Amino acid sequence: MGQKAGAKVAGTLADAATNDPETAIEERAVFALSRLPNGEGVDKLIEAAQMNRDLAVRKRAMFWLGQSNDPRALDFITRVLTAK
């Protein structure tokens, strides 16, 4: 879905990545955000990494941020790793 529809579904995917009661759905939404073209999902992945209630989903968001090679993702990861 993320690769096909792009920005049209970013909001829906972000909502599913942070608010769905099913962890499996949240993880799939995080993956779909990582597949959005031109880094359109990076901000939403950062939000999921910061705000999701489930550690597994936050870890998955961090993984995909690390794979993105996006400067925003690198900045966020650096801030997380250097936070006291």
PDB file of N, CA and C in Angstrom:
ATOM      1  N   MET A   1       0.836  -1.183   0.000  1.00  0.00           N
ATOM      2  CA  MET A   1       0.000   0.000   0.000  1.00  0.00           C
ATOM      3  C   MET A   1       0.880   1.245   0.000  1.00  0.00           C
ATOM      4  N   GLY A   2       1.934   1.235   0.821  1.00  0.00           N
ATOM      5  CA  GLY A   2       2.804   2.405   0.907  1.00  0.00           C
ATOM      6  C   GLY A   2       3.478   2.726  -0.399  1.00  0.00           C
ATOM      7  N   GLN A   3       3.912   1.703  -1.132  1.00  0.00           N
ATOM      8  CA  GLN A   3       4.608   1.944  -2.390  1.00  0.00           C
ATOM      9  C   GLN A   3       3.660   2.428  -3.471  1.00  0.00           C
ATOM     10  N   LYS A   4       2.442   1.977  -3.450  1.00  0.00           N
ATOM     11  CA  LYS A   4       1.497   2.309  -4.512  1.00  0.00           C
ATOM     12  C   LYS A   4       0.857   3.683  -4.341  1.00  0.00           C
ATOM     13  N   ALA A   5       0.404   3.995  -3.131  1.00  0.00           N
ATOM     14  CA  ALA A   5      -0.382   5.207  -2.935  1.00  0.00           C
ATOM     15  C   ALA A   5       0.430   6.393  -2.431  1.00  0.00           C
ATOM     16  N   GLY A   6       1.594   6.136  -1.865  1.00  0.00           N
ATOM     17  CA  GLY A   6       2.457   7.220  -1.415  1.00  0.00           C
ATOM     18  C   GLY A   6       1.823   8.098  -0.359  1.00  0.00           C
ATOM     19  N   ALA A   7       1.963   9.403  -0.542  1.00  0.00           N
ATOM     20  CA  ALA A   7       1.527  10.383   0.455  1.00  0.00           C
ATOM     21  C   ALA A   7       0.026  10.316   0.728  1.00  0.00           C
ATOM     22  N   LYS A   8      -0.744   9.794  -0.193  1.00  0.00           N
ATOM     23  CA  LYS A   8      -2.189   9.725   0.000  1.00  0.00           C
ATOM     24  C   LYS A   8      -2.571   8.900   1.223  1.00  0.00           C
ATOM     25  N   VAL A   9      -1.740   7.919   1.578  1.00  0.00           N
ATOM     26  CA  VAL A   9      -2.073   7.041   2.702  1.00  0.00           C
ATOM     27  C   VAL A   9      -1.176   7.256   3.918  1.00  0.00           C
ATOM     28  N   ALA A  10      -0.277   8.209   3.858  1.00  0.00           N
ATOM     29  CA  ALA A  10       0.678   8.421   4.958  1.00  0.00           C
ATOM     30  C   ALA A  10      -0.036   8.650   6.284  1.00  0.00           C
ATOM     31  N   GLY A  11      -1.069   9.442   6.298  1.00  0.00           N
ATOM     32  CA  GLY A  11      -1.799   9.717   7.536  1.00  0.00           C
ATOM     33  C   GLY A  11      -2.478   8.476   8.089  1.00  0.00           C
ATOM     34  N   THR A  12      -3.074   7.699   7.210  1.00  0.00           N
ATOM     35  CA  THR A  12      -3.738   6.469   7.628  1.00  0.00           C
ATOM     36  C   THR A  12      -2.726   5.479   8.182  1.00  0.00           C
ATOM     37  N   LEU A  13      -1.594   5.353   7.500  1.00  0.00           N
ATOM     38  CA  LEU A  13      -0.548   4.446   7.970  1.00  0.00           C
ATOM     39  C   LEU A  13       0.021   4.908   9.311  1.00  0.00           C
ATOM     40  N   ALA A  14       0.235   6.206   9.444  1.00  0.00           N
ATOM     41  CA  ALA A  14       0.766   6.742  10.703  1.00  0.00           C
ATOM     42  C   ALA A  14      -0.197   6.484  11.847  1.00  0.00           C
ATOM     43  N   ASP A  15      -1.485   6.642  11.595  1.00  0.00           N
ATOM     44  CA  ASP A  15      -2.479   6.372  12.620  1.00  0.00           C
ATOM     45  C   ASP A  15      -2.450   4.899  13.014  1.00  0.00           C
ATOM     46  N   ALA A  16      -2.376   4.023  12.033  1.00  0.00           N
ATOM     47  CA  ALA A  16      -2.321   2.585  12.316  1.00  0.00           C
ATOM     48  C   ALA A  16      -1.032   2.217  13.041  1.00  0.00           C
ATOM     49  N   ALA A  17       0.062   2.917  12.729  1.00  0.00           N
ATOM     50  CA  ALA A  17       1.356   2.618  13.353  1.00  0.00           C
ATOM     51  C   ALA A  17       1.413   3.038  14.808  1.00  0.00           C
ATOM     52  N   THR A  18       0.559   3.944  15.218  1.00  0.00           N
ATOM     53  CA  THR A  18       0.624   4.422  16.599  1.00  0.00           C
ATOM     54  C   THR A  18      -0.630   4.133  17.419  1.00  0.00           C
ATOM     55  N   ASN A  19      -1.737   3.828  16.778  1.00  0.00           N
ATOM     56  CA  ASN A  19      -2.992   3.720  17.532  1.00  0.00           C
ATOM     57  C   ASN A  19      -3.735   2.406  17.407  1.00  0.00           C
ATOM     58  N   ASP A  20      -3.305   1.508  16.551  1.00  0.00           N
ATOM     59  CA  ASP A  20      -4.050   0.262  16.385  1.00  0.00           C
ATOM     60  C   ASP A  20      -3.860  -0.622  17.620  1.00  0.00           C
ATOM     61  N   PRO A  21      -4.910  -1.267  18.086  1.00  0.00           N
ATOM     62  CA  PRO A  21      -4.771  -2.119  19.266  1.00  0.00           C
ATOM     63  C   PRO A  21      -3.966  -3.396  19.003  1.00  0.00           C
ATOM     64  N   GLU A  22      -3.792  -3.762  17.756  1.00  0.00           N
ATOM     65  CA  GLU A  22      -3.052  -4.975  17.388  1.00  0.00           C
ATOM     66  C   GLU A  22      -1.604  -4.622  17.055  1.00  0.00           C
ATOM     67  N   THR A  23      -0.653  -5.180  17.788  1.00  0.00           N
ATOM     68  CA  THR A  23       0.759  -4.919  17.547  1.00  0.00           C
ATOM     69  C   THR A  23       1.166  -5.320  16.134  1.00  0.00           C
ATOM     70  N   ALA A  24       0.652  -6.431  15.642  1.00  0.00           N
ATOM     71  CA  ALA A  24       1.007  -6.888  14.299  1.00  0.00           C
ATOM     72  C   ALA A  24       0.591  -5.864  13.239  1.00  0.00           C
ATOM     73  N   ILE A  25      -0.559  -5.246  13.417  1.00  0.00           N
ATOM     74  CA  ILE A  25      -1.022  -4.218  12.473  1.00  0.00           C
ATOM     75  C   ILE A  25      -0.101  -3.008  12.554  1.00  0.00           C
ATOM     76  N   GLU A  26       0.264  -2.611  13.772  1.00  0.00           N
ATOM     77  CA  GLU A  26       1.172  -1.474  13.932  1.00  0.00           C
ATOM     78  C   GLU A  26       2.513  -1.746  13.244  1.00  0.00           C
ATOM     79  N   GLU A  27       3.040  -2.948  13.411  1.00  0.00           N
ATOM     80  CA  GLU A  27       4.316  -3.286  12.782  1.00  0.00           C
ATOM     81  C   GLU A  27       4.207  -3.273  11.265  1.00  0.00           C
ATOM     82  N   ARG A  28       3.114  -3.754  10.733  1.00  0.00           N
ATOM     83  CA  ARG A  28       2.910  -3.715   9.270  1.00  0.00           C
ATOM     84  C   ARG A  28       2.790  -2.282   8.771  1.00  0.00           C
ATOM     85  N   ALA A  29       2.130  -1.444   9.547  1.00  0.00           N
ATOM     86  CA  ALA A  29       1.997  -0.037   9.163  1.00  0.00           C
ATOM     87  C   ALA A  29       3.357   0.653   9.189  1.00  0.00           C
ATOM     88  N   VAL A  30       4.188   0.325  10.179  1.00  0.00           N
ATOM     89  CA  VAL A  30       5.542   0.885  10.239  1.00  0.00           C
ATOM     90  C   VAL A  30       6.323   0.473   8.993  1.00  0.00           C
ATOM     91  N   PHE A  31       6.227  -0.796   8.624  1.00  0.00           N
ATOM     92  CA  PHE A  31       6.905  -1.251   7.405  1.00  0.00           C
ATOM     93  C   PHE A  31       6.394  -0.486   6.185  1.00  0.00           C
ATOM     94  N   ALA A  32       5.085  -0.339   6.081  1.00  0.00           N
ATOM     95  CA  ALA A  32       4.511   0.380   4.940  1.00  0.00           C
ATOM     96  C   ALA A  32       4.995   1.829   4.904  1.00  0.00           C
ATOM     97  N   LEU A  33       5.123   2.466   6.066  1.00  0.00           N
ATOM     98  CA  LEU A  33       5.654   3.830   6.106  1.00  0.00           C
ATOM     99  C   LEU A  33       7.086   3.863   5.573  1.00  0.00           C
ATOM    100  N   SER A  34       7.844   2.824   5.869  1.00  0.00           N
ATOM    101  CA  SER A  34       9.233   2.777   5.397  1.00  0.00           C
ATOM    102  C   SER A  34       9.318   2.635   3.887  1.00  0.00           C
ATOM    103  N   ARG A  35       8.257   2.180   3.257  1.00  0.00           N
ATOM    104  CA  ARG A  35       8.243   1.965   1.812  1.00  0.00           C
ATOM    105  C   ARG A  35       7.714   3.170   1.030  1.00  0.00           C
ATOM    106  N   LEU A  36       7.239   4.191   1.722  1.00  0.00           N
ATOM    107  CA  LEU A  36       6.730   5.366   1.010  1.00  0.00           C
ATOM    108  C   LEU A  36       7.860   5.983   0.188  1.00  0.00           C
ATOM    109  N   PRO A  37       7.567   6.440  -1.008  1.00  0.00           N
ATOM    110  CA  PRO A  37       8.615   6.994  -1.876  1.00  0.00           C
ATOM    111  C   PRO A  37       9.147   8.333  -1.368  1.00  0.00           C
ATOM    112  N   ASN A  38      10.374   8.619  -1.742  1.00  0.00           N
ATOM    113  CA  ASN A  38      11.010   9.922  -1.476  1.00  0.00           C
ATOM    114  C   ASN A  38      11.055  10.294   0.000  1.00  0.00           C
ATOM    115  N   GLY A  39      11.160   9.322   0.889  1.00  0.00           N
ATOM    116  CA  GLY A  39      11.266   9.610   2.315  1.00  0.00           C
ATOM    117  C   GLY A  39      10.027  10.198   2.947  1.00  0.00           C
ATOM    118  N   GLU A  40       8.884  10.040   2.276  1.00  0.00           N
ATOM    119  CA  GLU A  40       7.649  10.643   2.782  1.00  0.00           C
ATOM    120  C   GLU A  40       7.202  10.058   4.119  1.00  0.00           C
ATOM    121  N   GLY A  41       7.670   8.868   4.477  1.00  0.00           N
ATOM    122  CA  GLY A  41       7.256   8.253   5.724  1.00  0.00           C
ATOM    123  C   GLY A  41       8.200   8.494   6.887  1.00  0.00           C
ATOM    124  N   VAL A  42       9.330   9.154   6.658  1.00  0.00           N
ATOM    125  CA  VAL A  42      10.341   9.315   7.707  1.00  0.00           C
ATOM    126  C   VAL A  42       9.790  10.046   8.923  1.00  0.00           C
ATOM    127  N   ASP A  43       9.123  11.145   8.731  1.00  0.00           N
ATOM    128  CA  ASP A  43       8.586  11.891   9.876  1.00  0.00           C
ATOM    129  C   ASP A  43       7.594  11.045  10.673  1.00  0.00           C
ATOM    130  N   LYS A  44       6.790  10.265   9.980  1.00  0.00           N
ATOM    131  CA  LYS A  44       5.808   9.407  10.647  1.00  0.00           C
ATOM    132  C   LYS A  44       6.506   8.252  11.362  1.00  0.00           C
ATOM    133  N   LEU A  45       7.603   7.740  10.801  1.00  0.00           N
ATOM    134  CA  LEU A  45       8.378   6.703  11.476  1.00  0.00           C
ATOM    135  C   LEU A  45       9.007   7.248  12.752  1.00  0.00           C
ATOM    136  N   ILE A  46       9.501   8.468  12.687  1.00  0.00           N
ATOM    137  CA  ILE A  46      10.071   9.105  13.878  1.00  0.00           C
ATOM    138  C   ILE A  46       8.997   9.230  14.953  1.00  0.00           C
ATOM    139  N   GLU A  47       7.818   9.632  14.537  1.00  0.00           N
ATOM    140  CA  GLU A  47       6.705   9.750  15.486  1.00  0.00           C
ATOM    141  C   GLU A  47       6.379   8.398  16.120  1.00  0.00           C
ATOM    142  N   ALA A  48       6.357   7.353  15.309  1.00  0.00           N
ATOM    143  CA  ALA A  48       6.078   6.015  15.839  1.00  0.00           C
ATOM    144  C   ALA A  48       7.180   5.563  16.789  1.00  0.00           C
ATOM    145  N   ALA A  49       8.430   5.876  16.454  1.00  0.00           N
ATOM    146  CA  ALA A  49       9.556   5.499  17.307  1.00  0.00           C
ATOM    147  C   ALA A  49       9.509   6.232  18.645  1.00  0.00           C
ATOM    148  N   GLN A  50       8.957   7.414  18.653  1.00  0.00           N
ATOM    149  CA  GLN A  50       8.872   8.203  19.880  1.00  0.00           C
ATOM    150  C   GLN A  50       7.650   7.867  20.718  1.00  0.00           C
ATOM    151  N   MET A  51       6.530   7.610  20.070  1.00  0.00           N
ATOM    152  CA  MET A  51       5.261   7.624  20.785  1.00  0.00           C
ATOM    153  C   MET A  51       4.563   6.281  20.944  1.00  0.00           C
ATOM    154  N   ASN A  52       4.964   5.267  20.219  1.00  0.00           N
ATOM    155  CA  ASN A  52       4.222   4.018  20.307  1.00  0.00           C
ATOM    156  C   ASN A  52       4.359   3.406  21.689  1.00  0.00           C
ATOM    157  N   ARG A  53       3.289   2.845  22.186  1.00  0.00           N
ATOM    158  CA  ARG A  53       3.270   2.259  23.524  1.00  0.00           C
ATOM    159  C   ARG A  53       3.996   0.915  23.577  1.00  0.00           C
ATOM    160  N   ASP A  54       4.207   0.297  22.416  1.00  0.00           N
ATOM    161  CA  ASP A  54       4.800  -1.035  22.352  1.00  0.00           C
ATOM    162  C   ASP A  54       6.280  -0.955  21.962  1.00  0.00           C
ATOM    163  N   LEU A  55       7.138  -1.498  22.804  1.00  0.00           N
ATOM    164  CA  LEU A  55       8.575  -1.457  22.553  1.00  0.00           C
ATOM    165  C   LEU A  55       8.941  -2.122  21.233  1.00  0.00           C
ATOM    166  N   ALA A  56       8.293  -3.222  20.895  1.00  0.00           N
ATOM    167  CA  ALA A  56       8.607  -3.926  19.644  1.00  0.00           C
ATOM    168  C   ALA A  56       8.334  -3.037  18.430  1.00  0.00           C
ATOM    169  N   VAL A  57       7.265  -2.289  18.472  1.00  0.00           N
ATOM    170  CA  VAL A  57       6.918  -1.393  17.361  1.00  0.00           C
ATOM    171  C   VAL A  57       7.920  -0.236  17.296  1.00  0.00           C
ATOM    172  N   ARG A  58       8.294   0.311  18.449  1.00  0.00           N
ATOM    173  CA  ARG A  58       9.297   1.385  18.463  1.00  0.00           C
ATOM    174  C   ARG A  58      10.617   0.887  17.899  1.00  0.00           C
ATOM    175  N   LYS A  59      11.016  -0.336  18.267  1.00  0.00           N
ATOM    176  CA  LYS A  59      12.252  -0.913  17.732  1.00  0.00           C
ATOM    177  C   LYS A  59      12.174  -1.077  16.220  1.00  0.00           C
ATOM    178  N   ARG A  60      11.038  -1.541  15.733  1.00  0.00           N
ATOM    179  CA  ARG A  60      10.863  -1.748  14.287  1.00  0.00           C
ATOM    180  C   ARG A  60      10.934  -0.408  13.562  1.00  0.00           C
ATOM    181  N   ALA A  61      10.345   0.621  14.128  1.00  0.00           N
ATOM    182  CA  ALA A  61      10.419   1.954  13.519  1.00  0.00           C
ATOM    183  C   ALA A  61      11.867   2.446  13.482  1.00  0.00           C
ATOM    184  N   MET A  62      12.609   2.225  14.561  1.00  0.00           N
ATOM    185  CA  MET A  62      14.021   2.619  14.596  1.00  0.00           C
ATOM    186  C   MET A  62      14.818   1.855  13.541  1.00  0.00           C
ATOM    187  N   PHE A  63      14.538   0.568  13.394  1.00  0.00           N
ATOM    188  CA  PHE A  63      15.228  -0.228  12.383  1.00  0.00           C
ATOM    189  C   PHE A  63      15.028   0.370  10.997  1.00  0.00           C
ATOM    190  N   TRP A  64      13.770   0.655  10.658  1.00  0.00           N
ATOM    191  CA  TRP A  64      13.496   1.174   9.321  1.00  0.00           C
ATOM    192  C   TRP A  64      14.038   2.588   9.144  1.00  0.00           C
ATOM    193  N   LEU A  65      14.082   3.368  10.198  1.00  0.00           N
ATOM    194  CA  LEU A  65      14.720   4.682  10.112  1.00  0.00           C
ATOM    195  C   LEU A  65      16.194   4.519   9.778  1.00  0.00           C
ATOM    196  N   GLY A  66      16.843   3.546  10.416  1.00  0.00           N
ATOM    197  CA  GLY A  66      18.252   3.298  10.144  1.00  0.00           C
ATOM    198  C   GLY A  66      18.510   2.845   8.721  1.00  0.00           C
ATOM    199  N   GLN A  67      17.556   2.174   8.143  1.00  0.00           N
ATOM    200  CA  GLN A  67      17.681   1.702   6.758  1.00  0.00           C
ATOM    201  C   GLN A  67      17.400   2.789   5.728  1.00  0.00           C
ATOM    202  N   SER A  68      16.801   3.871   6.160  1.00  0.00           N
ATOM    203  CA  SER A  68      16.318   4.886   5.217  1.00  0.00           C
ATOM    204  C   SER A  68      17.407   5.751   4.604  1.00  0.00           C
ATOM    205  N   ASN A  69      18.542   5.893   5.287  1.00  0.00           N
ATOM    206  CA  ASN A  69      19.612   6.794   4.829  1.00  0.00           C
ATOM    207  C   ASN A  69      19.130   8.237   4.664  1.00  0.00           C
ATOM    208  N   ASP A  70      18.110   8.603   5.393  1.00  0.00           N
ATOM    209  CA  ASP A  70      17.559   9.949   5.337  1.00  0.00           C
ATOM    210  C   ASP A  70      18.226  10.795   6.424  1.00  0.00           C
ATOM    211  N   PRO A  71      18.628  12.032   6.117  1.00  0.00           N
ATOM    212  CA  PRO A  71      19.282  12.864   7.128  1.00  0.00           C
ATOM    213  C   PRO A  71      18.409  13.132   8.359  1.00  0.00           C
ATOM    214  N   ARG A  72      17.102  13.219   8.184  1.00  0.00           N
ATOM    215  CA  ARG A  72      16.206  13.422   9.335  1.00  0.00           C
ATOM    216  C   ARG A  72      16.250  12.217  10.267  1.00  0.00           C
ATOM    217  N   ALA A  73      16.302  11.035   9.671  1.00  0.00           N
ATOM    218  CA  ALA A  73      16.377   9.810  10.463  1.00  0.00           C
ATOM    219  C   ALA A  73      17.708   9.742  11.202  1.00  0.00           C
ATOM    220  N   LEU A  74      18.785  10.063  10.514  1.00  0.00           N
ATOM    221  CA  LEU A  74      20.105  10.051  11.147  1.00  0.00           C
ATOM    222  C   LEU A  74      20.160  11.028  12.307  1.00  0.00           C
ATOM    223  N   ASP A  75      19.598  12.206  12.119  1.00  0.00           N
ATOM    224  CA  ASP A  75      19.561  13.203  13.187  1.00  0.00           C
ATOM    225  C   ASP A  75      18.776  12.677  14.389  1.00  0.00           C
ATOM    226  N   PHE A  76      17.629  12.081  14.140  1.00  0.00           N
ATOM    227  CA  PHE A  76      16.810  11.541  15.223  1.00  0.00           C
ATOM    228  C   PHE A  76      17.543  10.425  15.964  1.00  0.00           C
ATOM    229  N   ILE A  77      18.126   9.497  15.235  1.00  0.00           N
ATOM    230  CA  ILE A  77      18.841   8.379  15.856  1.00  0.00           C
ATOM    231  C   ILE A  77      20.009   8.899  16.687  1.00  0.00           C
ATOM    232  N   THR A  78      20.715   9.897  16.170  1.00  0.00           N
ATOM    233  CA  THR A  78      21.827  10.489  16.907  1.00  0.00           C
ATOM    234  C   THR A  78      21.337  11.104  18.212  1.00  0.00           C
ATOM    235  N   ARG A  79      20.214  11.816  18.150  1.00  0.00           N
ATOM    236  CA  ARG A  79      19.655  12.427  19.364  1.00  0.00           C
ATOM    237  C   ARG A  79      19.257  11.360  20.385  1.00  0.00           C
ATOM    238  N   VAL A  80      18.680  10.257  19.917  1.00  0.00           N
ATOM    239  CA  VAL A  80      18.277   9.180  20.821  1.00  0.00           C
ATOM    240  C   VAL A  80      19.508   8.570  21.487  1.00  0.00           C
ATOM    241  N   LEU A  81      20.542   8.333  20.701  1.00  0.00           N
ATOM    242  CA  LEU A  81      21.733   7.664  21.235  1.00  0.00           C
ATOM    243  C   LEU A  81      22.561   8.553  22.151  1.00  0.00           C
ATOM    244  N   THR A  82      22.451   9.860  21.995  1.00  0.00           N
ATOM    245  CA  THR A  82      23.245  10.763  22.812  1.00  0.00           C
ATOM    246  C   THR A  82      22.449  11.400  23.961  1.00  0.00           C
ATOM    247  N   ALA A  83      21.171  11.050  24.071  1.00  0.00           N
ATOM    248  CA  ALA A  83      20.331  11.601  25.143  1.00  0.00           C
ATOM    249  C   ALA A  83      20.783  11.036  26.488  1.00  0.00           C
ATOM    250  N   LYS A  84      20.698  11.868  27.484  1.00  0.00           N
ATOM    251  CA  LYS A  84      21.109  11.443  28.841  1.00  0.00           C
ATOM    252  C   LYS A  84      19.930  10.964  29.628  1.00  0.00           C
TER     253      LYS A  84
END
